[in-house]
PDB file of N, CA and C in Angstrom:
ATOM      1  N   MET A   1       0.822  -1.182   0.000  1.00  0.00           N
ATOM      2  CA  MET A   1       0.000   0.000   0.000  1.00  0.00           C
ATOM      3  C   MET A   1       0.879   1.265   0.000  1.00  0.00           C
ATOM      4  N   LEU A   2       1.889   1.295   0.847  1.00  0.00           N
ATOM      5  CA  LEU A   2       2.799   2.437   0.898  1.00  0.00           C
ATOM      6  C   LEU A   2       3.573   2.564  -0.407  1.00  0.00           C
ATOM      7  N   LYS A   3       3.969   1.428  -0.956  1.00  0.00           N
ATOM      8  CA  LYS A   3       4.710   1.435  -2.208  1.00  0.00           C
ATOM      9  C   LYS A   3       3.851   2.028  -3.328  1.00  0.00           C
ATOM     10  N   SER A   4       2.587   1.681  -3.349  1.00  0.00           N
ATOM     11  CA  SER A   4       1.658   2.215  -4.351  1.00  0.00           C
ATOM     12  C   SER A   4       1.484   3.719  -4.177  1.00  0.00           C
ATOM     13  N   LEU A   5       1.368   4.159  -2.938  1.00  0.00           N
ATOM     14  CA  LEU A   5       1.231   5.587  -2.651  1.00  0.00           C
ATOM     15  C   LEU A   5       2.464   6.352  -3.111  1.00  0.00           C
ATOM     16  N   MET A   6       3.638   5.839  -2.800  1.00  0.00           N
ATOM     17  CA  MET A   6       4.876   6.501  -3.200  1.00  0.00           C
ATOM     18  C   MET A   6       5.003   6.567  -4.720  1.00  0.00           C
ATOM     19  N   ALA A   7       4.576   5.521  -5.401  1.00  0.00           N
ATOM     20  CA  ALA A   7       4.627   5.514  -6.866  1.00  0.00           C
ATOM     21  C   ALA A   7       3.724   6.608  -7.428  1.00  0.00           C
ATOM     22  N   ASP A   8       2.536   6.758  -6.855  1.00  0.00           N
ATOM     23  CA  ASP A   8       1.611   7.805  -7.309  1.00  0.00           C
ATOM     24  C   ASP A   8       2.168   9.196  -7.030  1.00  0.00           C
ATOM     25  N   VAL A   9       2.770   9.371  -5.876  1.00  0.00           N
ATOM     26  CA  VAL A   9       3.347  10.670  -5.519  1.00  0.00           C
ATOM     27  C   VAL A   9       4.484  11.014  -6.470  1.00  0.00           C
ATOM     28  N   LEU A  10       5.333  10.058  -6.759  1.00  0.00           N
ATOM     29  CA  LEU A  10       6.467  10.299  -7.648  1.00  0.00           C
ATOM     30  C   LEU A  10       6.022  10.606  -9.074  1.00  0.00           C
ATOM     31  N   LYS A  11       4.913  10.013  -9.506  1.00  0.00           N
ATOM     32  CA  LYS A  11       4.399  10.302 -10.845  1.00  0.00           C
ATOM     33  C   LYS A  11       4.030  11.774 -10.980  1.00  0.00           C
ATOM     34  N   MET A  12       3.447  12.320  -9.941  1.00  0.00           N
ATOM     35  CA  MET A  12       2.952  13.697  -9.988  1.00  0.00           C
ATOM     36  C   MET A  12       3.970  14.714  -9.481  1.00  0.00           C
ATOM     37  N   ALA A  13       5.060  14.266  -8.909  1.00  0.00           N
ATOM     38  CA  ALA A  13       6.020  15.181  -8.286  1.00  0.00           C
ATOM     39  C   ALA A  13       6.562  16.204  -9.268  1.00  0.00           C
ATOM     40  N   GLU A  14       6.997  15.765 -10.431  1.00  0.00           N
ATOM     41  CA  GLU A  14       7.570  16.690 -11.406  1.00  0.00           C
ATOM     42  C   GLU A  14       6.535  17.719 -11.852  1.00  0.00           C
ATOM     43  N   THR A  15       5.327  17.252 -12.126  1.00  0.00           N
ATOM     44  CA  THR A  15       4.259  18.166 -12.548  1.00  0.00           C
ATOM     45  C   THR A  15       3.931  19.166 -11.448  1.00  0.00           C
ATOM     46  N   ASN A  16       3.840  18.678 -10.218  1.00  0.00           N
ATOM     47  CA  ASN A  16       3.517  19.566  -9.095  1.00  0.00           C
ATOM     48  C   ASN A  16       4.594  20.621  -8.882  1.00  0.00           C
ATOM     49  N   ILE A  17       5.843  20.210  -8.977  1.00  0.00           N
ATOM     50  CA  ILE A  17       6.941  21.162  -8.781  1.00  0.00           C
ATOM     51  C   ILE A  17       6.941  22.204  -9.888  1.00  0.00           C
ATOM     52  N   LYS A  18       6.788  21.751 -11.130  1.00  0.00           N
ATOM     53  CA  LYS A  18       6.790  22.690 -12.255  1.00  0.00           C
ATOM     54  C   LYS A  18       5.622  23.663 -12.181  1.00  0.00           C
ATOM     55  N   SER A  19       4.457  23.201 -11.763  1.00  0.00           N
ATOM     56  CA  SER A  19       3.302  24.102 -11.688  1.00  0.00           C
ATOM     57  C   SER A  19       3.404  25.046 -10.493  1.00  0.00           C
ATOM     58  N   GLY A  20       4.183  24.667  -9.499  1.00  0.00           N
ATOM     59  CA  GLY A  20       4.331  25.513  -8.318  1.00  0.00           C
ATOM     60  C   GLY A  20       5.096  26.795  -8.575  1.00  0.00           C
ATOM     61  N   PHE A  21       6.055  26.766  -9.487  1.00  0.00           N
ATOM     62  CA  PHE A  21       6.858  27.958  -9.770  1.00  0.00           C
ATOM     63  C   PHE A  21       6.021  29.112 -10.314  1.00  0.00           C
ATOM     64  N   PRO A  22       5.217  28.915 -11.373  1.00  0.00           N
ATOM     65  CA  PRO A  22       4.400  30.040 -11.841  1.00  0.00           C
ATOM     66  C   PRO A  22       3.289  30.398 -10.852  1.00  0.00           C
ATOM     67  N   THR A  23       2.761  29.413 -10.144  1.00  0.00           N
ATOM     68  CA  THR A  23       1.694  29.685  -9.183  1.00  0.00           C
ATOM     69  C   THR A  23       2.176  30.606  -8.069  1.00  0.00           C
ATOM     70  N   CYS A  24       3.420  30.432  -7.646  1.00  0.00           N
ATOM     71  CA  CYS A  24       3.994  31.267  -6.587  1.00  0.00           C
ATOM     72  C   CYS A  24       4.649  32.532  -7.119  1.00  0.00           C
ATOM     73  N   GLY A  25       4.712  32.663  -8.443  1.00  0.00           N
ATOM     74  CA  GLY A  25       5.326  33.845  -9.030  1.00  0.00           C
ATOM     75  C   GLY A  25       6.840  33.812  -9.015  1.00  0.00           C
ATOM     76  N   ILE A  26       7.412  32.619  -8.853  1.00  0.00           N
ATOM     77  CA  ILE A  26       8.867  32.506  -8.827  1.00  0.00           C
ATOM     78  C   ILE A  26       9.436  32.577 -10.240  1.00  0.00           C
ATOM     79  N   PHE A  27       8.854  31.781 -11.154  1.00  0.00           N
ATOM     80  CA  PHE A  27       9.296  31.808 -12.551  1.00  0.00           C
ATOM     81  C   PHE A  27       8.101  31.552 -13.440  1.00  0.00           C
ATOM     82  N   PRO A  28       7.744  32.437 -14.308  1.00  0.00           N
ATOM     83  CA  PRO A  28       8.311  33.769 -14.463  1.00  0.00           C
ATOM     84  C   PRO A  28       7.998  34.631 -13.243  1.00  0.00           C
ATOM     85  N   PHE A  29       8.913  35.544 -12.943  1.00  0.00           N
ATOM     86  CA  PHE A  29       8.797  36.358 -11.734  1.00  0.00           C
ATOM     87  C   PHE A  29       7.560  37.242 -11.792  1.00  0.00           C
ATOM     88  N   ASP A  30       6.669  37.076 -10.811  1.00  0.00           N
ATOM     89  CA  ASP A  30       5.448  37.875 -10.724  1.00  0.00           C
ATOM     90  C   ASP A  30       4.978  37.892  -9.274  1.00  0.00           C
ATOM     91  N   PRO A  31       5.424  38.870  -8.471  1.00  0.00           N
ATOM     92  CA  PRO A  31       5.046  38.908  -7.060  1.00  0.00           C
ATOM     93  C   PRO A  31       3.548  39.063  -6.843  1.00  0.00           C
ATOM     94  N   GLU A  32       2.832  39.533  -7.837  1.00  0.00           N
ATOM     95  CA  GLU A  32       1.382  39.705  -7.707  1.00  0.00           C
ATOM     96  C   GLU A  32       0.657  38.364  -7.596  1.00  0.00           C
ATOM     97  N   GLN A  33       1.270  37.285  -8.057  1.00  0.00           N
ATOM     98  CA  GLN A  33       0.626  35.970  -8.007  1.00  0.00           C
ATOM     99  C   GLN A  33       0.263  35.581  -6.571  1.00  0.00           C
ATOM    100  N   VAL A  34       1.157  35.835  -5.661  1.00  0.00           N
ATOM    101  CA  VAL A  34       0.893  35.493  -4.260  1.00  0.00           C
ATOM    102  C   VAL A  34      -0.190  36.405  -3.704  1.00  0.00           C
ATOM    103  N   LEU A  35      -0.127  37.686  -4.037  1.00  0.00           N
ATOM    104  CA  LEU A  35      -1.110  38.633  -3.525  1.00  0.00           C
ATOM    105  C   LEU A  35      -2.502  38.354  -4.064  1.00  0.00           C
ATOM    106  N   LYS A  36      -2.592  37.779  -5.251  1.00  0.00           N
ATOM    107  CA  LYS A  36      -3.899  37.432  -5.820  1.00  0.00           C
ATOM    108  C   LYS A  36      -4.598  36.375  -4.979  1.00  0.00           C
ATOM    109  N   LYS A  37      -3.841  35.529  -4.331  1.00  0.00           N
ATOM    110  CA  LYS A  37      -4.412  34.465  -3.508  1.00  0.00           C
ATOM    111  C   LYS A  37      -4.803  34.952  -2.111  1.00  0.00           C
ATOM    112  N   TRP A  38      -4.284  36.084  -1.703  1.00  0.00           N
ATOM    113  CA  TRP A  38      -4.545  36.633  -0.379  1.00  0.00           C
ATOM    114  C   TRP A  38      -5.918  37.298  -0.380  1.00  0.00           C
ATOM    115  N   PRO A  39      -6.782  36.951   0.560  1.00  0.00           N
ATOM    116  CA  PRO A  39      -8.108  37.575   0.595  1.00  0.00           C
ATOM    117  C   PRO A  39      -8.007  39.076   0.872  1.00  0.00           C
ATOM    118  N   ALA A  40      -8.758  39.875   0.128  1.00  0.00           N
ATOM    119  CA  ALA A  40      -8.697  41.333   0.259  1.00  0.00           C
ATOM    120  C   ALA A  40      -9.105  41.783   1.661  1.00  0.00           C
ATOM    121  N   GLN A  41     -10.124  41.182   2.228  1.00  0.00           N
ATOM    122  CA  GLN A  41     -10.585  41.560   3.568  1.00  0.00           C
ATOM    123  C   GLN A  41      -9.483  41.314   4.589  1.00  0.00           C
ATOM    124  N   GLN A  42      -8.781  40.228   4.442  1.00  0.00           N
ATOM    125  CA  GLN A  42      -7.698  39.907   5.376  1.00  0.00           C
ATOM    126  C   GLN A  42      -6.607  40.968   5.317  1.00  0.00           C
ATOM    127  N   GLN A  43      -6.312  41.483   4.122  1.00  0.00           N
ATOM    128  CA  GLN A  43      -5.295  42.521   3.987  1.00  0.00           C
ATOM    129  C   GLN A  43      -5.704  43.763   4.761  1.00  0.00           C
ATOM    130  N   GLN A  44      -6.972  44.151   4.672  1.00  0.00           N
ATOM    131  CA  GLN A  44      -7.452  45.326   5.394  1.00  0.00           C
ATOM    132  C   GLN A  44      -7.334  45.114   6.903  1.00  0.00           C
ATOM    133  N   GLU A  45      -7.759  43.938   7.372  1.00  0.00           N
ATOM    134  CA  GLU A  45      -7.691  43.650   8.803  1.00  0.00           C
ATOM    135  C   GLU A  45      -6.246  43.640   9.285  1.00  0.00           C
ATOM    136  N   ASP A  46      -5.354  43.048   8.500  1.00  0.00           N
ATOM    137  CA  ASP A  46      -3.945  43.007   8.880  1.00  0.00           C
ATOM    138  C   ASP A  46      -3.357  44.407   8.956  1.00  0.00           C
ATOM    139  N   LEU A  47      -3.765  45.283   8.038  1.00  0.00           N
ATOM    140  CA  LEU A  47      -3.274  46.653   8.040  1.00  0.00           C
ATOM    141  C   LEU A  47      -3.714  47.364   9.314  1.00  0.00           C
ATOM    142  N   HIS A  48      -4.990  47.198   9.702  1.00  0.00           N
ATOM    143  CA  HIS A  48      -5.483  47.842  10.921  1.00  0.00           C
ATOM    144  C   HIS A  48      -4.781  47.290  12.160  1.00  0.00           C
ATOM    145  N   VAL A  49      -4.577  45.997  12.214  1.00  0.00           N
ATOM    146  CA  VAL A  49      -3.879  45.391  13.348  1.00  0.00           C
ATOM    147  C   VAL A  49      -2.454  45.920  13.418  1.00  0.00           C
ATOM    148  N   SER A  50      -1.808  46.037  12.270  1.00  0.00           N
ATOM    149  CA  SER A  50      -0.437  46.530  12.229  1.00  0.00           C
ATOM    150  C   SER A  50      -0.355  47.967  12.723  1.00  0.00           C
ATOM    151  N   ILE A  51      -1.293  48.808  12.281  1.00  0.00           N
ATOM    152  CA  ILE A  51      -1.310  50.211  12.710  1.00  0.00           C
ATOM    153  C   ILE A  51      -1.557  50.296  14.210  1.00  0.00           C
ATOM    154  N   ASN A  52      -2.526  49.522  14.711  1.00  0.00           N
ATOM    155  CA  ASN A  52      -2.822  49.535  16.145  1.00  0.00           C
ATOM    156  C   ASN A  52      -1.640  49.015  16.956  1.00  0.00           C
ATOM    157  N   SER A  53      -1.005  47.966  16.487  1.00  0.00           N
ATOM    158  CA  SER A  53       0.149  47.412  17.196  1.00  0.00           C
ATOM    159  C   SER A  53       1.286  48.417  17.253  1.00  0.00           C
ATOM    160  N   THR A  54       1.504  49.126  16.161  1.00  0.00           N
ATOM    161  CA  THR A  54       2.561  50.134  16.120  1.00  0.00           C
ATOM    162  C   THR A  54       2.277  51.242  17.122  1.00  0.00           C
ATOM    163  N   ALA A  55       1.029  51.696  17.181  1.00  0.00           N
ATOM    164  CA  ALA A  55       0.665  52.760  18.113  1.00  0.00           C
ATOM    165  C   ALA A  55       0.860  52.306  19.560  1.00  0.00           C
ATOM    166  N   ILE A  56       0.471  51.089  19.857  1.00  0.00           N
ATOM    167  CA  ILE A  56       0.627  50.565  21.215  1.00  0.00           C
ATOM    168  C   ILE A  56       2.110  50.450  21.563  1.00  0.00           C
ATOM    169  N   CYS A  57       2.899  49.927  20.646  1.00  0.00           N
ATOM    170  CA  CYS A  57       4.343  49.793  20.894  1.00  0.00           C
ATOM    171  C   CYS A  57       4.984  51.150  21.147  1.00  0.00           C
ATOM    172  N   GLU A  58       4.619  52.137  20.338  1.00  0.00           N
ATOM    173  CA  GLU A  58       5.184  53.473  20.514  1.00  0.00           C
ATOM    174  C   GLU A  58       4.789  54.058  21.868  1.00  0.00           C
ATOM    175  N   SER A  59       3.552  53.827  22.296  1.00  0.00           N
ATOM    176  CA  SER A  59       3.100  54.329  23.595  1.00  0.00           C
ATOM    177  C   SER A  59       3.871  53.675  24.736  1.00  0.00           C
ATOM    178  N   ILE A  60       4.054  52.377  24.646  1.00  0.00           N
ATOM    179  CA  ILE A  60       4.788  51.660  25.691  1.00  0.00           C
ATOM    180  C   ILE A  60       6.233  52.133  25.749  1.00  0.00           C
ATOM    181  N   ILE A  61       6.847  52.306  24.596  1.00  0.00           N
ATOM    182  CA  ILE A  61       8.233  52.789  24.556  1.00  0.00           C
ATOM    183  C   ILE A  61       8.333  54.179  25.169  1.00  0.00           C
ATOM    184  N   ALA A  62       7.363  55.046  24.878  1.00  0.00           N
ATOM    185  CA  ALA A  62       7.379  56.397  25.443  1.00  0.00           C
ATOM    186  C   ALA A  62       7.284  56.349  26.962  1.00  0.00           C
ATOM    187  N   VAL A  63       6.414  55.501  27.494  1.00  0.00           N
ATOM    188  CA  VAL A  63       6.267  55.378  28.951  1.00  0.00           C
ATOM    189  C   VAL A  63       7.558  54.842  29.564  1.00  0.00           C
ATOM    190  N   LEU A  64       8.130  53.823  28.956  1.00  0.00           N
ATOM    191  CA  LEU A  64       9.368  53.251  29.494  1.00  0.00           C
ATOM    192  C   LEU A  64      10.519  54.247  29.446  1.00  0.00           C
ATOM    193  N   GLU A  65      10.606  55.012  28.353  1.00  0.00           N
ATOM    194  CA  GLU A  65      11.661  56.027  28.264  1.00  0.00           C
ATOM    195  C   GLU A  65      11.474  57.096  29.333  1.00  0.00           C
ATOM    196  N   LYS A  66      10.229  57.489  29.567  1.00  0.00           N
ATOM    197  CA  LYS A  66       9.970  58.495  30.598  1.00  0.00           C
ATOM    198  C   LYS A  66      10.360  57.945  31.967  1.00  0.00           C
ATOM    199  N   MET A  67      10.008  56.689  32.224  1.00  0.00           N
ATOM    200  CA  MET A  67      10.351  56.081  33.504  1.00  0.00           C
ATOM    201  C   MET A  67      11.865  55.987  33.674  1.00  0.00           C
ATOM    202  N   ARG A  68      12.562  55.743  32.607  1.00  0.00           N
ATOM    203  CA  ARG A  68      14.009  55.555  32.707  1.00  0.00           C
ATOM    204  C   ARG A  68      14.763  56.871  32.776  1.00  0.00           C
ATOM    205  N   TYR A  69      14.370  57.840  31.946  1.00  0.00           N
ATOM    206  CA  TYR A  69      15.168  59.054  31.805  1.00  0.00           C
ATOM    207  C   TYR A  69      14.612  60.262  32.550  1.00  0.00           C
ATOM    208  N   ASP A  70      13.361  60.229  32.969  1.00  0.00           N
ATOM    209  CA  ASP A  70      12.766  61.374  33.656  1.00  0.00           C
ATOM    210  C   ASP A  70      13.201  61.342  35.120  1.00  0.00           C
ATOM    211  N   LYS A  71      14.074  62.268  35.486  1.00  0.00           N
ATOM    212  CA  LYS A  71      14.619  62.289  36.849  1.00  0.00           C
ATOM    213  C   LYS A  71      13.776  63.149  37.786  1.00  0.00           C
ATOM    214  N   THR A  72      12.683  63.758  37.282  1.00  0.00           N
ATOM    215  CA  THR A  72      11.855  64.604  38.145  1.00  0.00           C
ATOM    216  C   THR A  72      10.937  63.779  39.026  1.00  0.00           C
ATOM    217  N   THR A  73      10.614  62.569  38.602  1.00  0.00           N
ATOM    218  CA  THR A  73       9.747  61.734  39.430  1.00  0.00           C
ATOM    219  C   THR A  73      10.609  60.872  40.338  1.00  0.00           C
ATOM    220  N   LYS A  74      10.120  60.674  41.544  1.00  0.00           N
ATOM    221  CA  LYS A  74      10.866  59.882  42.511  1.00  0.00           C
ATOM    222  C   LYS A  74      10.493  58.412  42.362  1.00  0.00           C
ATOM    223  N   PRO A  75      11.450  57.524  42.550  1.00  0.00           N
ATOM    224  CA  PRO A  75      11.135  56.091  42.488  1.00  0.00           C
ATOM    225  C   PRO A  75      10.223  55.713  43.642  1.00  0.00           C
ATOM    226  N   ARG A  76       9.421  54.733  43.445  1.00  0.00           N
ATOM    227  CA  ARG A  76       8.478  54.287  44.487  1.00  0.00           C
ATOM    228  C   ARG A  76       9.125  53.353  45.454  1.00  0.00           C
TER     229      ARG A  76
END
């Protein structure tokens, strides 16, 4: 059974590998191929998450810098 499965996989291996290159935009080079597969709604959500994450990170860094470098406040 395993031998039969491996034979079937090997038959299709060359075809699968060759079809994978254009599908991924590797050859011929086309970076848009990958983006075409990405859902548009997901891109919007990822952009909002990225913007929110950046804002939160910047806020945390500002607080930590103030805690470290602001000598006007006394340590607790």
